[in-house]
Amino acid sequence: MNSFYLFKILKNKSSQLSSIIFLLLVSSLIFLTSCSEDVESYTGAEPVATPDSLIVNEFGIEAAGLIEFKGKVKKNETLTDLLLPYKIYLPQIQKIASTSKDIFDVRKIIPGKAYTAYVTKDSLRQLKYFVYENNPLDYTVIDLTDTIKIVKKSKPVVTVEKQLVGVIETSLYETMMDLGASIQLALKLSEVYQWQIDFYGIQSGDYFKVIFDQDYVDGKFFRVGKIKAAYFNHRGTGYYGFHFEQSNKADYFDEEGNSLQKQFLKAPLKFSRISSRYSGRRFHPILKRYRPHRGIDYAAPRGTPVSAVGDGRVIEKRYSKSAGYFLKVRHNGTYTSGYLHLSRYGKGIRKGSMVKQGDVIGYVGSTGLSTGPHLDFRFRKHGSLVNYLNLKFPSSHPVDKEHIEEFERLKNIMYARLSMLAFPYEQKEMANLN
């Protein structure tokens, strides 16, 4: 080939390559400039007016001279996706991830969570702070003003005392919903009385009153706090519960200073129902014949957590044709509990494991000879199966003698306040307390 023509071809190709490189550089410059000028078009975040007089904002950031962009994490977005439009590139993002590893796992950015970016008002639009809201209370601040700093903080919590009275028609859960209260209150109340009241046996006409704390963040409901005092009348029997702290440990006590906590829970499940009681003669739905049923069946949705009714050691964990996946827990030299037809076991549960009262040891299922999801709960005393619902267990540690006077003062105050919440038909009953 003629050298002249070869030179011309190479020159043309070189010119085309230079043109392509030039166009790419221009495109990149346009992209970065537009990102700095119109970040919201790439992130979905919206700018919020920040008065120059604002010294410290809701996240404790000196926001004067900064523009605030608020947004929410979209599906499949990562921290890289959120920071790139603000001209924070991979080397710096990797450094952020490394710096934050003991504070916040950047891989756990969750869709729907709120974030706020603070950029300078000049044409560079430099990112100075990036705030990720882990939940309504906690947030993580990525500070880029100098060296990279990662800080996890919490918003102020405002605690307001509340009080509530209610009469149960169907269930504690539905009563709370009807009263406009949080389901958290139902759960907390059931935890206070989990040793006294069988919440599977709640009946119409049971009633309660409760004095409790409720926490707010940014003026919005966040959670139900401490229950200070409560009264629950179940099947005609009244139960008091007073929150009291002694020796740096808080507990609930009755009007006589006895702990509400018993050696064993009233039941291994929360918010379910007894579908079959302990019986000497029950028609078996699968075997189609009458036989003793030495346990209690709790009907509950598949996957409902099953709790150990007391401290102990797992002495058996296996599968059998009749019981399905099951566990046995020895609590002491007298008592042993059994949990049958589980769908799976709790995390870390194995033969020989030590468990604490309330630990999740398994989940409701329908394995073995079973017609539907339920827990068959068995309880043995000195090796013999007994009716758990008929057993009465002693209370745990009562109020210490050196704290009795302090407890009596608190109890009398809270009792008087509970009395003010009394229903008309129980005035007489409560008057007989003293």
Protein backbone atom coordinates (compact mmCIF):
# COMPACT_ATOMS: atom_id res chain seq x y z
CA MET A 1 0.00 0.00 0.00
CA ASN A 2 1.24 3.50 -0.84
CA SER A 3 2.78 5.13 2.25
CA PHE A 4 0.95 8.38 1.52
CA TYR A 5 -2.47 6.73 1.63
CA LEU A 6 -1.53 4.74 4.79
CA PHE A 7 -0.55 7.97 6.53
CA LYS A 8 -3.84 9.57 5.50
CA ILE A 9 -5.90 6.64 6.85
CA LEU A 10 -4.02 6.65 10.17
CA LYS A 11 -4.47 10.40 10.41
CA ASN A 12 -8.21 10.10 9.84
CA LYS A 13 -8.56 7.35 12.47
CA SER A 14 -6.52 9.38 14.96
CA SER A 15 -8.77 12.38 14.29
CA GLN A 16 -11.93 10.26 14.84
CA LEU A 17 -10.53 8.84 18.10
CA SER A 18 -9.66 12.31 19.33
CA SER A 19 -13.16 13.48 18.50
CA ILE A 20 -14.71 10.60 20.43
CA ILE A 21 -12.53 11.27 23.49
CA PHE A 22 -13.37 14.96 23.28
CA LEU A 23 -17.11 14.24 23.13
CA LEU A 24 -16.88 11.88 26.13
CA LEU A 25 -15.05 14.53 28.17
CA VAL A 26 -17.64 17.14 27.24
CA SER A 27 -20.50 14.76 28.10
CA SER A 28 -18.94 13.96 31.46
CA LEU A 29 -18.44 17.65 32.20
CA ILE A 30 -22.06 18.38 31.28
CA PHE A 31 -23.25 15.49 33.50
CA LEU A 32 -21.20 16.60 36.50
CA THR A 33 -22.21 20.23 36.05
CA SER A 34 -25.87 19.32 35.79
CA CYS A 35 -25.54 17.03 38.82
CA SER A 36 -24.16 19.89 40.83
CA GLU A 37 -26.82 22.26 39.59
CA ASP A 38 -29.80 19.91 39.63
CA VAL A 39 -29.05 17.00 41.96
CA GLU A 40 -32.71 16.22 42.53
CA SER A 41 -33.17 15.20 38.90
CA TYR A 42 -30.71 12.33 39.42
CA THR A 43 -31.49 11.30 42.97
CA GLY A 44 -35.17 12.03 43.39
CA ALA A 45 -34.22 14.05 46.48
CA GLU A 46 -36.00 17.37 46.86
CA PRO A 47 -34.27 20.59 47.95
CA VAL A 48 -35.51 22.14 51.19
CA ALA A 49 -35.09 25.80 51.98
CA THR A 50 -32.57 26.32 54.78
CA PRO A 51 -32.60 29.77 56.41
CA ASP A 52 -29.13 31.28 56.80
CA SER A 53 -30.06 32.05 60.40
CA LEU A 54 -30.53 28.34 61.18
CA ILE A 55 -27.48 27.41 63.26
CA VAL A 56 -28.15 23.78 64.23
CA ASN A 57 -30.86 21.64 62.63
CA GLU A 58 -32.74 18.49 63.69
CA PHE A 59 -29.64 16.32 63.19
CA GLY A 60 -27.32 18.62 65.12
CA ILE A 61 -25.75 19.93 61.89
CA GLU A 62 -24.78 23.57 61.34
CA ALA A 63 -26.87 24.03 58.21
CA ALA A 64 -26.33 27.75 57.53
CA GLY A 65 -24.90 28.14 54.04
CA LEU A 66 -25.99 24.67 52.97
CA ILE A 67 -28.78 23.36 50.76
CA GLU A 68 -30.74 20.45 52.13
CA PHE A 69 -31.90 17.60 49.85
CA LYS A 70 -34.36 15.09 51.31
CA GLY A 71 -35.23 11.77 49.74
CA LYS A 72 -36.04 8.11 50.33
CA VAL A 73 -34.00 5.08 49.34
CA LYS A 74 -35.43 3.39 46.26
CA LYS A 75 -35.56 -0.35 45.59
CA ASN A 76 -32.12 -1.84 44.84
CA GLU A 77 -30.33 1.43 45.61
CA THR A 78 -27.02 1.23 47.45
CA LEU A 79 -24.94 3.83 49.25
CA THR A 80 -22.90 4.14 46.03
CA ASP A 81 -26.05 4.99 44.08
CA LEU A 82 -26.97 7.64 46.65
CA LEU A 83 -23.55 9.31 46.79
CA LEU A 84 -22.38 9.26 43.15
CA PRO A 85 -24.71 12.11 42.02
CA TYR A 86 -23.01 14.28 44.65
CA LYS A 87 -19.60 13.59 43.05
CA ILE A 88 -18.52 11.17 45.77
CA TYR A 89 -16.69 8.46 43.83
CA LEU A 90 -15.73 4.86 44.51
CA PRO A 91 -12.37 5.41 46.32
CA GLN A 92 -14.05 7.78 48.78
CA ILE A 93 -17.14 5.53 49.10
CA GLN A 94 -14.88 2.58 49.90
CA LYS A 95 -13.19 4.67 52.58
CA ILE A 96 -16.62 5.60 54.00
CA ALA A 97 -17.59 1.90 54.11
CA SER A 98 -14.33 1.03 55.86
CA THR A 99 -14.64 3.87 58.39
CA SER A 100 -18.25 2.99 59.23
CA LYS A 101 -17.91 -0.82 59.53
CA ASP A 102 -18.07 -0.77 63.37
CA ILE A 103 -20.83 1.86 63.40
CA PHE A 104 -23.11 1.16 60.46
CA ASP A 105 -23.10 -1.57 57.82
CA VAL A 106 -23.50 0.34 54.54
CA ARG A 107 -24.66 -2.88 52.85
CA LYS A 108 -27.85 -2.72 54.90
CA ILE A 109 -29.34 0.36 53.26
CA ILE A 110 -33.09 -0.34 53.29
CA PRO A 111 -35.60 0.82 50.64
CA GLY A 112 -38.04 3.38 51.98
CA LYS A 113 -35.68 4.80 54.59
CA ALA A 114 -35.25 8.57 54.60
CA TYR A 115 -31.98 10.35 53.95
CA THR A 116 -30.84 13.97 53.79
CA ALA A 117 -27.87 15.41 51.88
CA TYR A 118 -26.34 18.81 52.71
CA VAL A 119 -24.45 20.54 49.87
CA THR A 120 -22.84 23.92 49.54
CA LYS A 121 -24.81 26.76 47.94
CA ASP A 122 -22.06 27.63 45.48
CA SER A 123 -21.84 26.28 41.93
CA LEU A 124 -19.69 23.31 43.06
CA ARG A 125 -22.50 21.85 45.16
CA GLN A 126 -20.03 19.99 47.39
CA LEU A 127 -21.53 17.35 49.68
CA LYS A 128 -20.68 18.16 53.29
CA TYR A 129 -23.00 15.84 55.24
CA PHE A 130 -25.08 12.81 54.38
CA VAL A 131 -27.65 11.61 56.97
CA TYR A 132 -29.28 8.17 56.78
CA GLU A 133 -32.23 7.58 59.10
CA ASN A 134 -31.91 4.01 60.43
CA ASN A 135 -35.31 4.25 62.11
CA PRO A 136 -37.54 7.02 63.52
CA LEU A 137 -35.15 7.39 66.49
CA ASP A 138 -31.61 6.65 65.28
CA TYR A 139 -29.68 8.16 62.39
CA THR A 140 -26.17 7.93 60.95
CA VAL A 141 -24.21 11.03 59.90
CA ILE A 142 -21.46 10.85 57.27
CA ASP A 143 -19.39 13.98 57.86
CA LEU A 144 -17.26 15.00 54.84
CA THR A 145 -16.33 18.50 55.96
CA ASP A 146 -12.71 17.50 56.62
CA THR A 147 -11.58 13.92 57.11
CA ILE A 148 -14.34 11.33 56.87
CA LYS A 149 -16.19 10.91 60.15
CA ILE A 150 -19.13 8.56 60.77
CA VAL A 151 -21.35 9.12 63.81
CA LYS A 152 -24.51 7.36 64.94
CA LYS A 153 -26.89 9.55 66.93
CA SER A 154 -30.42 9.55 68.32
CA LYS A 155 -33.14 12.16 68.18
CA PRO A 156 -34.63 13.52 71.42
CA VAL A 157 -37.41 11.39 72.88
CA VAL A 158 -40.36 13.09 74.56
CA THR A 159 -42.12 10.87 77.09
CA VAL A 160 -45.77 11.51 77.90
CA GLU A 161 -47.70 9.68 80.61
CA LYS A 162 -50.98 8.12 79.45
CA GLN A 163 -53.80 6.20 81.08
CA LEU A 164 -56.38 3.85 79.62
CA VAL A 165 -59.34 1.74 80.71
CA GLY A 166 -61.07 -0.90 78.64
CA VAL A 167 -63.60 -3.71 78.71
CA ILE A 168 -62.80 -6.74 76.58
CA GLU A 169 -65.44 -8.01 74.17
CA THR A 170 -63.44 -10.41 72.01
CA SER A 171 -59.69 -10.10 72.58
CA LEU A 172 -57.16 -7.79 74.20
CA TYR A 173 -55.73 -6.99 70.76
CA GLU A 174 -59.08 -5.94 69.28
CA THR A 175 -59.98 -3.96 72.40
CA MET A 176 -56.76 -1.96 72.09
CA MET A 177 -57.48 -1.30 68.43
CA ASP A 178 -61.03 -0.16 69.23
CA LEU A 179 -59.67 2.23 71.86
CA GLY A 180 -57.15 3.68 69.42
CA ALA A 181 -54.22 2.35 71.43
CA SER A 182 -51.09 0.73 70.04
CA ILE A 183 -50.83 -3.06 69.83
CA GLN A 184 -47.53 -2.53 71.69
CA LEU A 185 -49.58 -1.76 74.79
CA ALA A 186 -51.40 -5.10 74.49
CA LEU A 187 -48.07 -6.90 74.20
CA LYS A 188 -46.57 -5.07 77.18
CA LEU A 189 -49.64 -5.70 79.31
CA SER A 190 -49.54 -9.39 78.42
CA GLU A 191 -45.87 -9.47 79.44
CA VAL A 192 -46.63 -7.92 82.83
CA TYR A 193 -49.33 -10.53 83.56
CA GLN A 194 -47.88 -13.50 81.68
CA TRP A 195 -47.53 -15.45 84.95
CA GLN A 196 -51.05 -14.69 86.27
CA ILE A 197 -53.37 -14.58 83.27
CA ASP A 198 -53.92 -17.09 80.52
CA PHE A 199 -54.43 -14.70 77.59
CA TYR A 200 -55.76 -17.56 75.47
CA GLY A 201 -58.66 -17.73 77.90
CA ILE A 202 -59.57 -14.03 77.89
CA GLN A 203 -63.35 -13.70 77.92
CA SER A 204 -65.93 -11.03 77.26
CA GLY A 205 -66.38 -8.84 80.34
CA ASP A 206 -62.75 -8.94 81.50
CA TYR A 207 -61.50 -5.41 82.01
CA PHE A 208 -58.34 -3.46 82.74
CA LYS A 209 -56.88 -0.08 83.50
CA VAL A 210 -53.33 0.98 83.01
CA ILE A 211 -51.02 3.95 83.59
CA PHE A 212 -48.09 3.96 81.18
CA ASP A 213 -45.51 6.05 79.35
CA GLN A 214 -45.65 6.72 75.63
CA ASP A 215 -42.61 7.98 73.70
CA TYR A 216 -42.68 10.47 70.82
CA VAL A 217 -39.99 11.40 68.29
CA ASP A 218 -40.39 14.50 66.09
CA GLY A 219 -43.87 14.90 67.55
CA LYS A 220 -44.95 11.45 66.29
CA PHE A 221 -45.73 8.29 68.24
CA PHE A 222 -42.66 6.07 68.48
CA ARG A 223 -43.30 3.38 71.10
CA VAL A 224 -45.06 2.42 74.30
CA GLY A 225 -42.67 2.86 77.20
CA LYS A 226 -42.86 1.62 80.77
CA ILE A 227 -46.12 0.43 82.29
CA LYS A 228 -46.15 2.16 85.70
CA ALA A 229 -49.19 0.49 87.22
CA ALA A 230 -52.05 -1.69 86.08
CA TYR A 231 -55.12 -3.57 87.21
CA PHE A 232 -56.57 -6.50 85.23
CA ASN A 233 -59.78 -8.27 86.18
CA HIS A 234 -59.89 -11.71 84.58
CA ARG A 235 -62.82 -14.07 85.16
CA GLY A 236 -63.79 -12.15 88.30
CA THR A 237 -60.32 -12.10 89.88
CA GLY A 238 -58.39 -8.83 90.04
CA TYR A 239 -54.63 -8.58 89.56
CA TYR A 240 -52.54 -5.52 90.42
CA GLY A 241 -49.13 -4.77 88.97
CA PHE A 242 -46.84 -2.00 90.27
CA HIS A 243 -43.53 -1.18 88.59
CA PHE A 244 -40.77 -0.89 91.20
CA GLU A 245 -36.99 -0.82 91.03
CA GLN A 246 -34.73 -2.22 93.74
CA SER A 247 -31.01 -2.95 93.71
CA ASN A 248 -30.84 -1.57 90.12
CA LYS A 249 -33.36 -4.14 88.89
CA ALA A 250 -36.93 -3.30 87.90
CA ASP A 251 -39.82 -5.73 88.31
CA TYR A 252 -43.59 -5.82 88.77
CA PHE A 253 -45.12 -6.55 92.15
CA ASP A 254 -48.63 -7.11 93.47
CA GLU A 255 -50.23 -5.08 96.26
CA GLU A 256 -48.47 -7.18 98.91
CA GLY A 257 -45.01 -6.76 97.45
CA ASN A 258 -44.80 -10.20 95.85
CA SER A 259 -43.19 -10.40 92.42
CA LEU A 260 -45.60 -11.07 89.58
CA GLN A 261 -42.92 -13.24 88.02
CA LYS A 262 -43.46 -16.90 88.72
CA GLN A 263 -41.22 -19.90 88.29
CA PHE A 264 -42.99 -20.67 85.00
CA LEU A 265 -44.88 -18.72 82.32
CA LYS A 266 -48.64 -19.13 82.16
CA ALA A 267 -48.31 -20.41 78.57
CA PRO A 268 -45.57 -20.96 75.96
CA LEU A 269 -47.31 -18.79 73.31
CA LYS A 270 -48.74 -15.28 73.10
CA PHE A 271 -52.18 -14.44 71.71
CA SER A 272 -53.52 -17.79 70.60
CA ARG A 273 -56.25 -20.10 71.84
CA ILE A 274 -56.52 -23.49 73.47
CA SER A 275 -57.98 -25.88 70.91
CA SER A 276 -57.78 -28.99 73.10
CA ARG A 277 -57.30 -29.24 76.84
CA TYR A 278 -55.66 -31.86 79.02
CA SER A 279 -58.05 -34.83 79.04
CA GLY A 280 -58.25 -38.49 79.98
CA ARG A 281 -60.39 -39.26 76.93
CA ARG A 282 -60.27 -37.37 73.64
CA PHE A 283 -61.24 -38.46 70.13
CA HIS A 284 -58.05 -38.37 68.05
CA PRO A 285 -58.81 -36.69 64.69
CA ILE A 286 -56.27 -38.78 62.76
CA LEU A 287 -56.31 -42.15 64.56
CA LYS A 288 -60.14 -41.97 64.76
CA ARG A 289 -60.36 -43.42 68.24
CA TYR A 290 -60.62 -42.23 71.84
CA ARG A 291 -57.41 -41.99 73.81
CA PRO A 292 -55.99 -39.84 76.65
CA HIS A 293 -54.62 -36.43 75.71
CA ARG A 294 -52.05 -35.56 78.37
CA GLY A 295 -51.22 -32.15 77.00
CA ILE A 296 -52.64 -28.79 75.96
CA ASP A 297 -53.08 -27.90 72.28
CA TYR A 298 -52.57 -24.23 71.40
CA ALA A 299 -53.91 -23.32 67.95
CA ALA A 300 -51.74 -20.66 66.31
CA PRO A 301 -50.51 -19.71 62.82
CA ARG A 302 -47.56 -21.65 61.42
CA GLY A 303 -44.32 -19.91 62.41
CA THR A 304 -45.62 -18.41 65.68
CA PRO A 305 -42.69 -18.25 68.16
CA VAL A 306 -42.74 -20.83 70.98
CA SER A 307 -41.10 -19.78 74.27
CA ALA A 308 -39.54 -21.85 77.02
CA VAL A 309 -41.88 -21.63 80.03
CA GLY A 310 -38.92 -21.63 82.41
CA ASP A 311 -35.13 -21.77 82.70
CA GLY A 312 -33.62 -25.15 81.93
CA ARG A 313 -31.58 -27.43 79.68
CA VAL A 314 -32.70 -29.00 76.40
CA ILE A 315 -32.52 -32.75 77.05
CA GLU A 316 -34.12 -33.97 73.83
CA LYS A 317 -34.40 -32.58 70.31
CA ARG A 318 -35.47 -34.88 67.49
CA TYR A 319 -38.20 -35.96 65.08
CA SER A 320 -40.75 -38.70 65.69
CA LYS A 321 -43.58 -40.00 63.52
CA SER A 322 -46.26 -38.93 66.00
CA ALA A 323 -44.79 -35.79 67.65
CA GLY A 324 -43.01 -34.44 64.57
CA TYR A 325 -40.19 -32.08 65.44
CA PHE A 326 -40.19 -31.71 69.23
CA LEU A 327 -38.16 -30.56 72.21
CA LYS A 328 -37.93 -31.45 75.88
CA VAL A 329 -36.58 -29.03 78.48
CA ARG A 330 -35.63 -30.12 82.02
CA HIS A 331 -36.17 -27.20 84.40
CA ASN A 332 -35.05 -28.80 87.64
CA GLY A 333 -35.26 -32.10 89.47
CA THR A 334 -39.06 -31.87 89.51
CA TYR A 335 -40.34 -30.35 86.27
CA THR A 336 -39.86 -31.04 82.54
CA SER A 337 -41.71 -29.43 79.62
CA GLY A 338 -42.29 -30.73 76.08
CA TYR A 339 -43.07 -28.89 72.83
CA LEU A 340 -44.48 -30.98 69.94
CA HIS A 341 -45.31 -30.58 66.20
CA LEU A 342 -42.81 -27.74 65.67
CA SER A 343 -42.09 -26.47 62.15
CA ARG A 344 -38.48 -25.68 63.10
CA TYR A 345 -36.26 -24.98 66.08
CA GLY A 346 -35.08 -21.66 67.49
CA LYS A 347 -31.67 -20.29 66.58
CA GLY A 348 -28.85 -22.11 68.38
CA ILE A 349 -31.17 -24.65 70.02
CA ARG A 350 -29.60 -28.09 70.29
CA LYS A 351 -29.48 -30.93 72.78
CA GLY A 352 -27.65 -29.68 75.86
CA SER A 353 -28.46 -25.99 75.25
CA MET A 354 -29.27 -23.87 78.31
CA VAL A 355 -32.41 -21.75 77.83
CA LYS A 356 -33.92 -18.91 79.80
CA GLN A 357 -37.57 -18.33 80.52
CA GLY A 358 -39.12 -16.62 77.49
CA ASP A 359 -36.40 -17.68 75.02
CA VAL A 360 -37.74 -18.62 71.59
CA ILE A 361 -36.95 -22.33 71.29
CA GLY A 362 -39.07 -23.17 68.24
CA TYR A 363 -41.94 -22.24 65.97
CA VAL A 364 -45.47 -23.58 65.61
CA GLY A 365 -45.93 -26.16 62.88
CA SER A 366 -47.94 -29.22 61.93
CA THR A 367 -45.32 -31.97 61.76
CA GLY A 368 -46.05 -35.54 62.83
CA LEU A 369 -49.63 -36.67 63.47
CA SER A 370 -51.33 -33.31 63.16
CA THR A 371 -54.34 -31.92 61.31
CA GLY A 372 -53.19 -28.30 61.32
CA PRO A 373 -50.73 -25.79 62.82
CA HIS A 374 -50.69 -25.96 66.63
CA LEU A 375 -48.42 -26.56 69.61
CA ASP A 376 -48.99 -29.66 71.73
CA PHE A 377 -47.53 -28.64 75.09
CA ARG A 378 -46.70 -31.31 77.68
CA PHE A 379 -45.60 -30.85 81.29
CA ARG A 380 -44.21 -33.46 83.67
CA LYS A 381 -43.86 -33.42 87.45
CA HIS A 382 -41.55 -36.10 88.83
CA GLY A 383 -41.75 -37.81 85.45
CA SER A 384 -45.56 -37.98 85.24
CA LEU A 385 -47.64 -35.92 82.84
CA VAL A 386 -49.81 -33.37 84.68
CA ASN A 387 -52.33 -30.67 83.77
CA TYR A 388 -50.19 -27.54 83.52
CA LEU A 389 -53.18 -25.21 83.86
CA ASN A 390 -54.00 -26.58 87.33
CA LEU A 391 -50.52 -26.07 88.79
CA LYS A 392 -49.73 -23.15 91.10
CA PHE A 393 -46.14 -21.97 91.28
CA PRO A 394 -44.46 -19.73 93.88
CA SER A 395 -43.51 -16.12 93.11
CA SER A 396 -39.94 -15.04 92.53
CA HIS A 397 -38.04 -12.62 94.74
CA PRO A 398 -40.42 -10.22 96.63
CA VAL A 399 -39.66 -6.61 97.57
CA ASP A 400 -36.63 -6.53 99.86
CA LYS A 401 -37.27 -5.55 103.49
CA GLU A 402 -35.08 -2.46 103.19
CA HIS A 403 -37.24 -1.22 100.29
CA ILE A 404 -40.68 -2.02 101.73
CA GLU A 405 -41.43 1.54 102.91
CA GLU A 406 -40.43 3.02 99.55
CA PHE A 407 -42.57 0.44 97.73
CA GLU A 408 -45.58 1.12 99.99
CA ARG A 409 -45.38 4.86 99.24
CA LEU A 410 -45.26 4.27 95.49
CA LYS A 411 -47.99 1.62 95.63
CA ASN A 412 -50.37 3.86 97.56
CA ILE A 413 -49.91 6.71 95.09
CA MET A 414 -50.45 4.49 92.06
CA TYR A 415 -53.33 2.62 93.70
CA ALA A 416 -55.12 5.93 94.34
CA ARG A 417 -54.62 6.92 90.72
CA LEU A 418 -55.93 3.57 89.48
CA SER A 419 -58.95 4.00 91.74
CA MET A 420 -59.75 7.26 90.00
CA LEU A 421 -59.99 5.27 86.76
CA ALA A 422 -62.38 2.70 88.25
CA PHE A 423 -65.48 1.59 86.41
CA PRO A 424 -68.70 2.24 88.34
CA TYR A 425 -69.42 -1.45 88.87
CA GLU A 426 -66.03 -2.13 90.45
CA GLN A 427 -65.90 0.77 92.93
CA LYS A 428 -67.05 -1.49 95.74
CA GLU A 429 -64.55 -4.22 94.92
CA MET A 430 -61.57 -1.84 94.91
CA ALA A 431 -62.65 -0.21 98.15
CA ASN A 432 -62.04 -3.53 99.88
CA LEU A 433 -58.35 -3.66 98.93
CA ASN A 434 -57.18 -2.21 102.23
